[in-house]
Amino acid sequence: MAVTAKMVKELREMTGAGMMDCKKALVETDGNIEAAVDLLKEKGLAKAAKKAGRVAAMGLVRTAIAADGKSAAIVEVNSETDFVAKNEQFLHLLDVIQNAILDTKAADVDAVLTTSTPEGTIADLITNATATIGEKITFRRVSVVEKADDEFFGSYMHMGGKISALAVLKGETNETVAKNIAMQVASMAPTYVSQSDIPSDVVEHERELQLQMMKADPKMAGKPEKVLQGILKGKVDKHFKDQCLLDQEFFLDPKMKVANFLKDNKVELVSFVRFQTGEGIEKREENFAEEVMSQIKG
């Protein structure tokens, strides 16, 4: 029986196995869907579908710069446990993904997952890795950055990929300065380059919050309006100080601001990206006893 795309799609939806694996299984079973499902189960490739509901909040984030130096990318690939993040197949998968991204400039999750490689699409490789490794593997996010001719990159990966940072700088190329700024981003986790980059609604929200706190403070009663406005501005500026990279204390010299460090080295900061493994993912706490009992009852 001829194997059709519809049959492959149906088998993939039933098992969660990769497209090429589904096609091979159908060819081997002469188009018999049920037999193909059994074959995939025997090979362990149908296991991936069962892991879809699990939480994958561990893994690694990687920074990679293209060979021509014109673009760079940060990617995050998650696993369920930190142990799997050291698995050779997982690390190879991460290499394949980052190289494919640098080659294609795929800048969002959907584009990355449909990217073809000599080993198959990224989506198929992830499905196969989930089945083989035995944990849910997910491609979470990507940031692709391209630089101008007068700009240069600084990158840093902390603890082998728990935190990765990428900075774009402008001026006289200095690899030490570039790495130090990337380390600053990784360690101090800024949100903005400077206060001028903070959205006005975010500033207004904080201003209103600080204003209400001041009104409730008896010490503020009777102070002139001009004084109150000065205090308010100081409180708002202080709140955003650590969120703005240029206003932060330089990690190698707390007496110096990052802005001064850059100025002294005749370098300007253009932008930065920071990924931390699993940030924002709700990590589900498993009750082992309940899990065993649910499996027995099931």
C-alpha atoms as a PDB file:
ATOM      1  CA  MET A   1       0.000   0.000   0.000  1.00  0.00           C
ATOM      2  CA  ALA A   2       1.260   3.473  -0.848  1.00  0.00           C
ATOM      3  CA  VAL A   3       2.033   5.615   2.185  1.00  0.00           C
ATOM      4  CA  THR A   4       0.344   9.033   2.002  1.00  0.00           C
ATOM      5  CA  ALA A   5       1.056  12.276   3.812  1.00  0.00           C
ATOM      6  CA  LYS A   6      -2.346  11.980   5.497  1.00  0.00           C
ATOM      7  CA  MET A   7      -1.389   8.581   6.949  1.00  0.00           C
ATOM      8  CA  VAL A   8       1.915   9.938   8.221  1.00  0.00           C
ATOM      9  CA  LYS A   9       0.145  12.888   9.836  1.00  0.00           C
ATOM     10  CA  GLU A  10      -2.403  10.610  11.506  1.00  0.00           C
ATOM     11  CA  LEU A  11       0.275   8.306  12.898  1.00  0.00           C
ATOM     12  CA  ARG A  12       2.319  11.233  14.149  1.00  0.00           C
ATOM     13  CA  GLU A  13      -0.703  12.658  15.986  1.00  0.00           C
ATOM     14  CA  MET A  14      -1.386   9.248  17.540  1.00  0.00           C
ATOM     15  CA  THR A  15       2.153   8.607  18.741  1.00  0.00           C
ATOM     16  CA  GLY A  16       4.027  11.895  18.902  1.00  0.00           C
ATOM     17  CA  ALA A  17       6.898  10.281  17.016  1.00  0.00           C
ATOM     18  CA  GLY A  18       8.907  12.143  14.362  1.00  0.00           C
ATOM     19  CA  MET A  19       7.606  12.472  10.828  1.00  0.00           C
ATOM     20  CA  MET A  20      10.375  10.407   9.243  1.00  0.00           C
ATOM     21  CA  ASP A  21       9.975   7.697  11.893  1.00  0.00           C
ATOM     22  CA  CYS A  22       6.245   7.556  11.206  1.00  0.00           C
ATOM     23  CA  LYS A  23       6.853   7.258   7.479  1.00  0.00           C
ATOM     24  CA  LYS A  24       9.402   4.455   7.955  1.00  0.00           C
ATOM     25  CA  ALA A  25       7.036   2.597  10.288  1.00  0.00           C
ATOM     26  CA  LEU A  26       4.214   2.801   7.752  1.00  0.00           C
ATOM     27  CA  VAL A  27       6.470   1.580   4.973  1.00  0.00           C
ATOM     28  CA  GLU A  28       7.622  -1.359   7.115  1.00  0.00           C
ATOM     29  CA  THR A  29       4.031  -2.302   7.990  1.00  0.00           C
ATOM     30  CA  ASP A  30       2.682  -1.773   4.461  1.00  0.00           C
ATOM     31  CA  GLY A  31       0.462   1.118   5.530  1.00  0.00           C
ATOM     32  CA  ASN A  32      -1.125  -0.624   8.526  1.00  0.00           C
ATOM     33  CA  ILE A  33      -1.686   2.160  11.088  1.00  0.00           C
ATOM     34  CA  GLU A  34      -2.217  -0.141  14.081  1.00  0.00           C
ATOM     35  CA  ALA A  35       0.869  -2.196  13.265  1.00  0.00           C
ATOM     36  CA  ALA A  36       2.861   1.004  12.774  1.00  0.00           C
ATOM     37  CA  VAL A  37       1.798   2.217  16.229  1.00  0.00           C
ATOM     38  CA  ASP A  38       2.996  -1.055  17.756  1.00  0.00           C
ATOM     39  CA  LEU A  39       6.264  -0.831  15.856  1.00  0.00           C
ATOM     40  CA  LEU A  40       6.923   2.676  17.114  1.00  0.00           C
ATOM     41  CA  LYS A  41       6.107   1.617  20.666  1.00  0.00           C
ATOM     42  CA  GLU A  42       8.587  -1.231  20.374  1.00  0.00           C
ATOM     43  CA  LYS A  43      11.236   1.229  19.264  1.00  0.00           C
ATOM     44  CA  GLY A  44      10.323   3.601  22.102  1.00  0.00           C
ATOM     45  CA  LEU A  45       9.440   6.447  19.745  1.00  0.00           C
ATOM     46  CA  ALA A  46       5.818   6.650  20.881  1.00  0.00           C
ATOM     47  CA  LYS A  47       6.902   7.478  24.428  1.00  0.00           C
ATOM     48  CA  ALA A  48       7.366  11.135  23.624  1.00  0.00           C
ATOM     49  CA  ALA A  49       3.625  11.778  23.378  1.00  0.00           C
ATOM     50  CA  LYS A  50       3.072  10.579  26.946  1.00  0.00           C
ATOM     51  CA  LYS A  51       5.487  13.173  28.261  1.00  0.00           C
ATOM     52  CA  ALA A  52       3.732  16.159  26.684  1.00  0.00           C
ATOM     53  CA  GLY A  53       2.071  17.242  29.929  1.00  0.00           C
ATOM     54  CA  ARG A  54       5.197  17.224  32.024  1.00  0.00           C
ATOM     55  CA  VAL A  55       7.013  20.372  33.135  1.00  0.00           C
ATOM     56  CA  ALA A  56      10.427  20.935  31.562  1.00  0.00           C
ATOM     57  CA  ALA A  57      12.074  23.779  33.463  1.00  0.00           C
ATOM     58  CA  MET A  58      15.712  22.679  33.538  1.00  0.00           C
ATOM     59  CA  GLY A  59      18.077  22.493  30.558  1.00  0.00           C
ATOM     60  CA  LEU A  60      20.500  25.008  29.104  1.00  0.00           C
ATOM     61  CA  VAL A  61      20.716  28.410  27.472  1.00  0.00           C
ATOM     62  CA  ARG A  62      23.446  28.928  24.904  1.00  0.00           C
ATOM     63  CA  THR A  63      25.018  31.931  23.221  1.00  0.00           C
ATOM     64  CA  ALA A  64      26.523  31.425  19.776  1.00  0.00           C
ATOM     65  CA  ILE A  65      28.139  33.893  17.378  1.00  0.00           C
ATOM     66  CA  ALA A  66      28.185  33.198  13.630  1.00  0.00           C
ATOM     67  CA  ALA A  67      31.508  32.443  11.964  1.00  0.00           C
ATOM     68  CA  ASP A  68      31.377  35.732  10.020  1.00  0.00           C
ATOM     69  CA  GLY A  69      30.791  37.630  13.266  1.00  0.00           C
ATOM     70  CA  LYS A  70      27.791  39.486  11.855  1.00  0.00           C
ATOM     71  CA  SER A  71      25.053  37.795  13.864  1.00  0.00           C
ATOM     72  CA  ALA A  72      24.570  35.920  17.110  1.00  0.00           C
ATOM     73  CA  ALA A  73      21.850  34.029  18.890  1.00  0.00           C
ATOM     74  CA  ILE A  74      20.770  32.958  22.346  1.00  0.00           C
ATOM     75  CA  VAL A  75      18.629  29.814  22.606  1.00  0.00           C
ATOM     76  CA  GLU A  76      16.948  27.936  25.444  1.00  0.00           C
ATOM     77  CA  VAL A  77      16.236  24.202  25.315  1.00  0.00           C
ATOM     78  CA  ASN A  78      14.574  22.664  28.356  1.00  0.00           C
ATOM     79  CA  SER A  79      14.576  19.246  29.977  1.00  0.00           C
ATOM     80  CA  GLU A  80      12.847  17.928  33.086  1.00  0.00           C
ATOM     81  CA  THR A  81      16.011  17.400  35.127  1.00  0.00           C
ATOM     82  CA  ASP A  82      19.427  18.995  35.349  1.00  0.00           C
ATOM     83  CA  PHE A  83      21.009  15.567  34.875  1.00  0.00           C
ATOM     84  CA  VAL A  84      19.681  15.293  31.308  1.00  0.00           C
ATOM     85  CA  ALA A  85      21.170  18.705  30.474  1.00  0.00           C
ATOM     86  CA  LYS A  86      24.563  16.965  30.605  1.00  0.00           C
ATOM     87  CA  ASN A  87      23.448  14.114  28.317  1.00  0.00           C
ATOM     88  CA  GLU A  88      25.503  13.835  25.111  1.00  0.00           C
ATOM     89  CA  GLN A  89      22.396  13.530  22.911  1.00  0.00           C
ATOM     90  CA  PHE A  90      20.900  16.632  24.562  1.00  0.00           C
ATOM     91  CA  LEU A  91      24.118  18.602  24.025  1.00  0.00           C
ATOM     92  CA  HIS A  92      24.300  17.448  20.402  1.00  0.00           C
ATOM     93  CA  LEU A  93      20.675  18.534  19.899  1.00  0.00           C
ATOM     94  CA  LEU A  94      21.555  21.965  21.277  1.00  0.00           C
ATOM     95  CA  ASP A  95      24.514  22.208  18.862  1.00  0.00           C
ATOM     96  CA  VAL A  96      22.323  21.298  15.894  1.00  0.00           C
ATOM     97  CA  ILE A  97      19.670  23.833  16.917  1.00  0.00           C
ATOM     98  CA  GLN A  98      22.038  26.749  17.420  1.00  0.00           C
ATOM     99  CA  ASN A  99      23.889  26.041  14.159  1.00  0.00           C
ATOM    100  CA  ALA A 100      20.599  25.847  12.247  1.00  0.00           C
ATOM    101  CA  ILE A 101      19.508  29.164  13.751  1.00  0.00           C
ATOM    102  CA  LEU A 102      22.764  30.879  12.821  1.00  0.00           C
ATOM    103  CA  ASP A 103      22.460  29.529   9.269  1.00  0.00           C
ATOM    104  CA  THR A 104      18.799  30.442   8.729  1.00  0.00           C
ATOM    105  CA  LYS A 105      18.319  33.388  11.119  1.00  0.00           C
ATOM    106  CA  ALA A 106      15.077  31.723  12.279  1.00  0.00           C
ATOM    107  CA  ALA A 107      13.912  34.176  14.925  1.00  0.00           C
ATOM    108  CA  ASP A 108      10.876  32.575  16.556  1.00  0.00           C
ATOM    109  CA  VAL A 109       9.919  29.179  17.960  1.00  0.00           C
ATOM    110  CA  ASP A 110       7.704  28.099  15.052  1.00  0.00           C
ATOM    111  CA  ALA A 111      10.334  29.021  12.474  1.00  0.00           C
ATOM    112  CA  VAL A 112      12.999  27.114  14.385  1.00  0.00           C
ATOM    113  CA  LEU A 113      10.876  23.979  14.852  1.00  0.00           C
ATOM    114  CA  THR A 114      10.167  23.747  11.109  1.00  0.00           C
ATOM    115  CA  THR A 115      13.807  24.322  10.157  1.00  0.00           C
ATOM    116  CA  SER A 116      15.317  21.384   8.284  1.00  0.00           C
ATOM    117  CA  THR A 117      18.724  19.942   9.120  1.00  0.00           C
ATOM    118  CA  PRO A 118      20.625  16.964   7.648  1.00  0.00           C
ATOM    119  CA  GLU A 119      19.225  14.963  10.579  1.00  0.00           C
ATOM    120  CA  GLY A 120      15.588  16.046  10.092  1.00  0.00           C
ATOM    121  CA  THR A 121      13.485  19.000  11.216  1.00  0.00           C
ATOM    122  CA  ILE A 122      14.187  20.477  14.626  1.00  0.00           C
ATOM    123  CA  ALA A 123      10.710  19.391  15.751  1.00  0.00           C
ATOM    124  CA  ASP A 124      11.431  15.779  14.773  1.00  0.00           C
ATOM    125  CA  LEU A 125      14.821  15.835  16.480  1.00  0.00           C
ATOM    126  CA  ILE A 126      13.207  17.073  19.702  1.00  0.00           C
ATOM    127  CA  THR A 127      10.519  14.393  19.523  1.00  0.00           C
ATOM    128  CA  ASN A 128      13.159  11.719  18.971  1.00  0.00           C
ATOM    129  CA  ALA A 129      15.279  13.064  21.826  1.00  0.00           C
ATOM    130  CA  THR A 130      12.271  12.979  24.155  1.00  0.00           C
ATOM    131  CA  ALA A 131      11.626   9.355  23.234  1.00  0.00           C
ATOM    132  CA  THR A 132      15.250   8.259  23.494  1.00  0.00           C
ATOM    133  CA  ILE A 133      16.311  10.197  26.582  1.00  0.00           C
ATOM    134  CA  GLY A 134      13.079   9.510  28.445  1.00  0.00           C
ATOM    135  CA  GLU A 135      12.315  13.088  29.486  1.00  0.00           C
ATOM    136  CA  LYS A 136      10.257  15.847  27.950  1.00  0.00           C
ATOM    137  CA  ILE A 137      12.538  18.060  25.841  1.00  0.00           C
ATOM    138  CA  THR A 138      11.275  21.412  24.598  1.00  0.00           C
ATOM    139  CA  PHE A 139      12.649  24.272  22.522  1.00  0.00           C
ATOM    140  CA  ARG A 140      11.476  27.315  24.440  1.00  0.00           C
ATOM    141  CA  ARG A 141      12.825  30.523  22.914  1.00  0.00           C
ATOM    142  CA  VAL A 142      15.388  32.201  20.723  1.00  0.00           C
ATOM    143  CA  SER A 143      16.778  35.689  20.194  1.00  0.00           C
ATOM    144  CA  VAL A 144      18.707  36.434  17.008  1.00  0.00           C
ATOM    145  CA  VAL A 145      20.794  39.612  16.979  1.00  0.00           C
ATOM    146  CA  GLU A 146      22.515  41.170  13.976  1.00  0.00           C
ATOM    147  CA  LYS A 147      25.078  43.929  14.314  1.00  0.00           C
ATOM    148  CA  ALA A 148      26.248  46.843  12.207  1.00  0.00           C
ATOM    149  CA  ASP A 149      29.777  47.029  10.781  1.00  0.00           C
ATOM    150  CA  ASP A 150      30.958  49.387  13.542  1.00  0.00           C
ATOM    151  CA  GLU A 151      29.555  47.208  16.335  1.00  0.00           C
ATOM    152  CA  PHE A 152      30.863  44.105  18.110  1.00  0.00           C
ATOM    153  CA  PHE A 153      29.513  41.344  20.342  1.00  0.00           C
ATOM    154  CA  GLY A 154      30.279  40.372  23.894  1.00  0.00           C
ATOM    155  CA  SER A 155      29.004  37.047  25.213  1.00  0.00           C
ATOM    156  CA  TYR A 156      29.152  35.069  28.419  1.00  0.00           C
ATOM    157  CA  MET A 157      27.713  31.761  29.653  1.00  0.00           C
ATOM    158  CA  HIS A 158      27.516  31.143  33.384  1.00  0.00           C
ATOM    159  CA  MET A 159      27.791  27.642  34.890  1.00  0.00           C
ATOM    160  CA  GLY A 160      27.981  26.021  31.484  1.00  0.00           C
ATOM    161  CA  GLY A 161      24.694  27.487  30.316  1.00  0.00           C
ATOM    162  CA  LYS A 162      22.441  28.203  33.306  1.00  0.00           C
ATOM    163  CA  ILE A 163      22.572  31.878  32.381  1.00  0.00           C
ATOM    164  CA  SER A 164      23.702  33.338  29.063  1.00  0.00           C
ATOM    165  CA  ALA A 165      24.160  36.958  28.081  1.00  0.00           C
ATOM    166  CA  LEU A 166      24.833  38.706  24.803  1.00  0.00           C
ATOM    167  CA  ALA A 167      25.768  42.370  24.479  1.00  0.00           C
ATOM    168  CA  VAL A 168      26.125  44.542  21.393  1.00  0.00           C
ATOM    169  CA  LEU A 169      28.653  47.359  21.746  1.00  0.00           C
ATOM    170  CA  LYS A 170      29.837  50.174  19.548  1.00  0.00           C
ATOM    171  CA  GLY A 171      33.212  51.849  19.323  1.00  0.00           C
ATOM    172  CA  GLU A 172      36.780  50.598  19.542  1.00  0.00           C
ATOM    173  CA  THR A 173      36.609  46.782  19.592  1.00  0.00           C
ATOM    174  CA  ASN A 174      37.766  45.459  22.933  1.00  0.00           C
ATOM    175  CA  GLU A 175      37.105  41.793  23.725  1.00  0.00           C
ATOM    176  CA  THR A 176      37.809  42.226  27.439  1.00  0.00           C
ATOM    177  CA  VAL A 177      35.335  45.079  27.762  1.00  0.00           C
ATOM    178  CA  ALA A 178      32.781  43.129  25.736  1.00  0.00           C
ATOM    179  CA  LYS A 179      33.054  40.063  27.954  1.00  0.00           C
ATOM    180  CA  ASN A 180      32.918  42.150  31.127  1.00  0.00           C
ATOM    181  CA  ILE A 181      29.693  43.804  30.004  1.00  0.00           C
ATOM    182  CA  ALA A 182      28.183  40.431  29.132  1.00  0.00           C
ATOM    183  CA  MET A 183      29.206  39.186  32.597  1.00  0.00           C
ATOM    184  CA  GLN A 184      27.593  42.278  34.120  1.00  0.00           C
ATOM    185  CA  VAL A 185      24.359  41.467  32.303  1.00  0.00           C
ATOM    186  CA  ALA A 186      24.498  37.824  33.381  1.00  0.00           C
ATOM    187  CA  SER A 187      25.234  38.547  37.038  1.00  0.00           C
ATOM    188  CA  MET A 188      23.180  41.688  37.687  1.00  0.00           C
ATOM    189  CA  ALA A 189      20.151  40.898  35.479  1.00  0.00           C
ATOM    190  CA  PRO A 190      19.269  44.393  34.219  1.00  0.00           C
ATOM    191  CA  THR A 191      15.991  44.966  32.397  1.00  0.00           C
ATOM    192  CA  TYR A 192      16.803  48.137  30.455  1.00  0.00           C
ATOM    193  CA  VAL A 193      19.896  49.830  29.016  1.00  0.00           C
ATOM    194  CA  SER A 194      19.036  53.197  30.589  1.00  0.00           C
ATOM    195  CA  GLN A 195      16.081  54.950  32.184  1.00  0.00           C
ATOM    196  CA  SER A 196      15.185  56.496  28.839  1.00  0.00           C
ATOM    197  CA  ASP A 197      14.319  52.969  27.635  1.00  0.00           C
ATOM    198  CA  ILE A 198      11.717  52.354  30.352  1.00  0.00           C
ATOM    199  CA  PRO A 199       8.155  52.494  28.940  1.00  0.00           C
ATOM    200  CA  SER A 200       6.261  55.566  30.145  1.00  0.00           C
ATOM    201  CA  ASP A 201       3.393  53.500  31.551  1.00  0.00           C
ATOM    202  CA  VAL A 202       5.855  51.502  33.694  1.00  0.00           C
ATOM    203  CA  VAL A 203       7.372  54.729  35.042  1.00  0.00           C
ATOM    204  CA  GLU A 204       3.933  56.216  35.698  1.00  0.00           C
ATOM    205  CA  HIS A 205       2.801  53.096  37.536  1.00  0.00           C
ATOM    206  CA  GLU A 206       5.824  53.214  39.844  1.00  0.00           C
ATOM    207  CA  ARG A 207       5.430  56.969  40.301  1.00  0.00           C
ATOM    208  CA  GLU A 208       1.810  56.532  41.402  1.00  0.00           C
ATOM    209  CA  LEU A 209       2.755  53.708  43.752  1.00  0.00           C
ATOM    210  CA  GLN A 210       5.500  55.763  45.401  1.00  0.00           C
ATOM    211  CA  LEU A 211       3.162  58.758  45.632  1.00  0.00           C
ATOM    212  CA  GLN A 212       0.539  56.752  47.507  1.00  0.00           C
ATOM    213  CA  MET A 213       3.204  55.448  49.900  1.00  0.00           C
ATOM    214  CA  MET A 214       4.385  59.011  50.535  1.00  0.00           C
ATOM    215  CA  LYS A 215       0.838  60.213  51.265  1.00  0.00           C
ATOM    216  CA  ALA A 216       0.500  57.466  53.868  1.00  0.00           C
ATOM    217  CA  ASP A 217       3.791  58.459  55.534  1.00  0.00           C
ATOM    218  CA  PRO A 218       3.256  60.938  58.423  1.00  0.00           C
ATOM    219  CA  LYS A 219       6.787  62.252  57.951  1.00  0.00           C
ATOM    220  CA  MET A 220       5.774  63.700  54.581  1.00  0.00           C
ATOM    221  CA  ALA A 221       2.950  65.805  55.984  1.00  0.00           C
ATOM    222  CA  GLY A 222       3.444  69.546  55.692  1.00  0.00           C
ATOM    223  CA  LYS A 223       6.408  69.408  53.334  1.00  0.00           C
ATOM    224  CA  PRO A 224       6.377  71.938  50.442  1.00  0.00           C
ATOM    225  CA  GLU A 225       5.163  70.594  47.079  1.00  0.00           C
ATOM    226  CA  LYS A 226       8.517  71.264  45.432  1.00  0.00           C
ATOM    227  CA  VAL A 227      10.276  69.205  48.102  1.00  0.00           C
ATOM    228  CA  LEU A 228       7.739  66.388  47.778  1.00  0.00           C
ATOM    229  CA  GLN A 229       8.235  66.252  44.007  1.00  0.00           C
ATOM    230  CA  GLY A 230      11.995  66.051  44.503  1.00  0.00           C
ATOM    231  CA  ILE A 231      11.611  63.200  46.992  1.00  0.00           C
ATOM    232  CA  LEU A 232       9.208  61.430  44.636  1.00  0.00           C
ATOM    233  CA  LYS A 233      11.637  61.684  41.732  1.00  0.00           C
ATOM    234  CA  GLY A 234      14.432  60.341  43.908  1.00  0.00           C
ATOM    235  CA  LYS A 235      12.371  57.340  44.990  1.00  0.00           C
ATOM    236  CA  VAL A 236      11.377  56.510  41.412  1.00  0.00           C
ATOM    237  CA  ASP A 237      14.957  56.869  40.172  1.00  0.00           C
ATOM    238  CA  LYS A 238      16.217  54.662  43.003  1.00  0.00           C
ATOM    239  CA  HIS A 239      13.643  51.969  42.168  1.00  0.00           C
ATOM    240  CA  PHE A 240      14.785  51.763  38.556  1.00  0.00           C
ATOM    241  CA  LYS A 241      18.505  52.225  39.278  1.00  0.00           C
ATOM    242  CA  ASP A 242      19.364  48.510  39.482  1.00  0.00           C
ATOM    243  CA  GLN A 243      17.131  47.683  36.527  1.00  0.00           C
ATOM    244  CA  CYS A 244      19.085  49.932  34.164  1.00  0.00           C
ATOM    245  CA  LEU A 245      22.454  48.568  33.094  1.00  0.00           C
ATOM    246  CA  LEU A 246      24.179  51.938  32.715  1.00  0.00           C
ATOM    247  CA  ASP A 247      23.147  52.974  36.240  1.00  0.00           C
ATOM    248  CA  GLN A 248      24.331  49.759  37.903  1.00  0.00           C
ATOM    249  CA  GLU A 249      27.523  49.490  39.937  1.00  0.00           C
ATOM    250  CA  PHE A 250      30.197  47.792  37.841  1.00  0.00           C
ATOM    251  CA  PHE A 251      30.648  44.294  39.262  1.00  0.00           C
ATOM    252  CA  LEU A 252      34.476  44.464  39.143  1.00  0.00           C
ATOM    253  CA  ASP A 253      34.574  47.885  40.808  1.00  0.00           C
ATOM    254  CA  PRO A 254      31.461  48.838  42.858  1.00  0.00           C
ATOM    255  CA  LYS A 255      32.744  52.422  43.158  1.00  0.00           C
ATOM    256  CA  MET A 256      32.256  52.823  39.403  1.00  0.00           C
ATOM    257  CA  LYS A 257      29.045  52.913  37.383  1.00  0.00           C
ATOM    258  CA  VAL A 258      28.805  50.793  34.236  1.00  0.00           C
ATOM    259  CA  ALA A 259      28.276  54.003  32.254  1.00  0.00           C
ATOM    260  CA  ASN A 260      31.648  55.307  33.465  1.00  0.00           C
ATOM    261  CA  PHE A 261      33.390  52.011  32.704  1.00  0.00           C
ATOM    262  CA  LEU A 262      32.137  52.174  29.115  1.00  0.00           C
ATOM    263  CA  LYS A 263      33.041  55.854  28.754  1.00  0.00           C
ATOM    264  CA  ASP A 264      36.567  55.250  30.036  1.00  0.00           C
ATOM    265  CA  ASN A 265      37.006  52.549  27.386  1.00  0.00           C
ATOM    266  CA  LYS A 266      35.426  54.656  24.615  1.00  0.00           C
ATOM    267  CA  VAL A 267      32.660  52.124  24.068  1.00  0.00           C
ATOM    268  CA  GLU A 268      28.873  52.520  23.851  1.00  0.00           C
ATOM    269  CA  LEU A 269      26.286  49.894  24.758  1.00  0.00           C
ATOM    270  CA  VAL A 270      23.741  49.315  21.996  1.00  0.00           C
ATOM    271  CA  SER A 271      21.640  46.452  23.394  1.00  0.00           C
ATOM    272  CA  PHE A 272      21.741  43.239  25.388  1.00  0.00           C
ATOM    273  CA  VAL A 273      19.875  39.966  25.810  1.00  0.00           C
ATOM    274  CA  ARG A 274      19.853  37.733  28.883  1.00  0.00           C
ATOM    275  CA  PHE A 275      18.344  34.249  29.210  1.00  0.00           C
ATOM    276  CA  GLN A 276      18.206  32.252  32.427  1.00  0.00           C
ATOM    277  CA  THR A 277      17.229  28.604  32.294  1.00  0.00           C
ATOM    278  CA  GLY A 278      13.630  28.042  33.308  1.00  0.00           C
ATOM    279  CA  GLU A 279      12.889  31.648  34.292  1.00  0.00           C
ATOM    280  CA  GLY A 280       9.147  32.244  34.293  1.00  0.00           C
ATOM    281  CA  ILE A 281       8.280  28.549  34.073  1.00  0.00           C
ATOM    282  CA  GLU A 282       6.140  27.321  36.933  1.00  0.00           C
ATOM    283  CA  LYS A 283       7.970  24.333  38.349  1.00  0.00           C
ATOM    284  CA  ARG A 284       5.444  21.723  39.403  1.00  0.00           C
ATOM    285  CA  GLU A 285       6.172  20.029  42.733  1.00  0.00           C
ATOM    286  CA  GLU A 286       5.562  16.307  42.397  1.00  0.00           C
ATOM    287  CA  ASN A 287       4.153  14.232  45.244  1.00  0.00           C
ATOM    288  CA  PHE A 288       5.793  10.867  44.633  1.00  0.00           C
ATOM    289  CA  ALA A 289       3.360   8.898  46.823  1.00  0.00           C
ATOM    290  CA  GLU A 290       0.340  10.422  45.084  1.00  0.00           C
ATOM    291  CA  GLU A 291       1.888   9.747  41.668  1.00  0.00           C
ATOM    292  CA  VAL A 292       2.430   6.051  42.514  1.00  0.00           C
ATOM    293  CA  MET A 293      -1.114   5.693  43.861  1.00  0.00           C
ATOM    294  CA  SER A 294      -2.594   7.353  40.773  1.00  0.00           C
ATOM    295  CA  GLN A 295      -0.716   4.917  38.564  1.00  0.00           C
ATOM    296  CA  ILE A 296      -1.933   1.938  40.616  1.00  0.00           C
ATOM    297  CA  LYS A 297      -5.543   3.150  40.456  1.00  0.00           C
ATOM    298  CA  GLY A 298      -5.143   3.852  36.728  1.00  0.00           C
END
